[in-house]
């Protein structure tokens, strides 16, 4: 056996999001989000599921914090429901603010650092135009300011957006996520307004609290050419990498959108989209980059006469191929897959972290934290009542090993926040896909899985045994 030791100050934690766990969608003054509306669209969500109850975290938050304390983790990443915290007229909702204040106090009382994400996709339905409207970026900054006024005395780690790629492309182009639109032009506008909202919120938070730790969480999906010697395959990789990865990190850290991506988008990138000063706002310095990683993609160009299938890699949509690479064909590498049908590729995480350090964060002195990594599997309950989720356990172990290898290679990686604490509402997949290390049954009872007991030992010791 080999034992890997992580840095003494390495963060260990888990993550969740508001709409996926809170429930109580009509309580405490909360108004509707775009996900409440989307869940009512026939066929939009598997089994007709929705987040009305979710796992009832709104009423059981103390129980969930107790689960965190039992795990021995030191950090908990959660998101705020914008329509719970802010009324449609822009004023804070006292009952909503009180809920998050109580949650933060419960975490601090258990010795757990709250890591707050302002936006994990549940946009208020009342905001006209959603992210296609520039005004939404300004409203987002106002929301950030209100949240800091309520919680800034206790919350020191702030994430603006979670996975803006999903919000823009899955929400406005493919229609797989709320608000369920199918308009590439709207998706491109949403990209820029999300980035602008991030910058405006970062500026507002920095002005209110210069000592706070500010960042953004981006989802990265590395993509590789089936044949590295093929110019056609290489160009597909360039286009897909551009819209899925470079489109979001480069305006933040380099101060400009990738020129090749803008060219690929053609008329979708309208002259009026980026106003003078926007890129300076978007590139407001951050203190940490949140990295979400689950899998990688391999693609090839079609052969003469070959008609591509829909742009899906084992259930995971390719990075906006309907916009920049509609002809991309996914390649099956024969790797093990998760319950989502995603390839298990820990080497992809290592390569991603090294690339980010080399090309983006290292020269700027920006540390990284893995803010999501985990796997859905079809859990089974043993005769003793324990969920022996060996697939999930092996997935996390192998990816932690890859993270350790990246640290050894010089990557400034400061923490690992496992997705997810509990089984929850998995967006368009409903409750069928389970990512939690704590099982939630039909009676909403919490039951730690084998992976939770294993993770408890890893987090407690700061070591990983292979």
Foldseek 3Di string as FASTA:
>chain_A
DDKFFDDPQFFEAAEDECLWAAACCPPLQFAAFLQVVQLPPPPLFPPSFGSNCWLNCLPCVLVLLVLRLLLVGAEYEYEQQLSNQAPLVGHGRVSSLVSVVVSLVSNVVSNHAYAYEHDDQGHHPSDPPPLLDLVVLVSLLSSLLVSCVSCVVRHQHYAYEAALLCNQCCDADVLSFPPRHNDLLSSVLSLLSSLLSLLSNVVSVCVVPVRGAYEYEHEAAQEAEPDPVDPQSVVLNVQLCLQRPQQRQCLQFVLDRPPVNCVLQPVSNPPVRDDPPSSVSSNDDGAEYAYEYEAYWYWYADDVPDDADAQAQQQHHGSPCVRRNRRIHTDDPPADAFPNRGHLDLLVVLVVLLCCCVPGCVVVVHAYEHNEYWGWHQWDADPVRATAPVVGLVSVLSNVVSVSVSVVVPHRYRYYHYPHQEQTQPGSHGRRTGGHQWYQDPVSDTHGHPSSVVSSVCSVRSMHDD
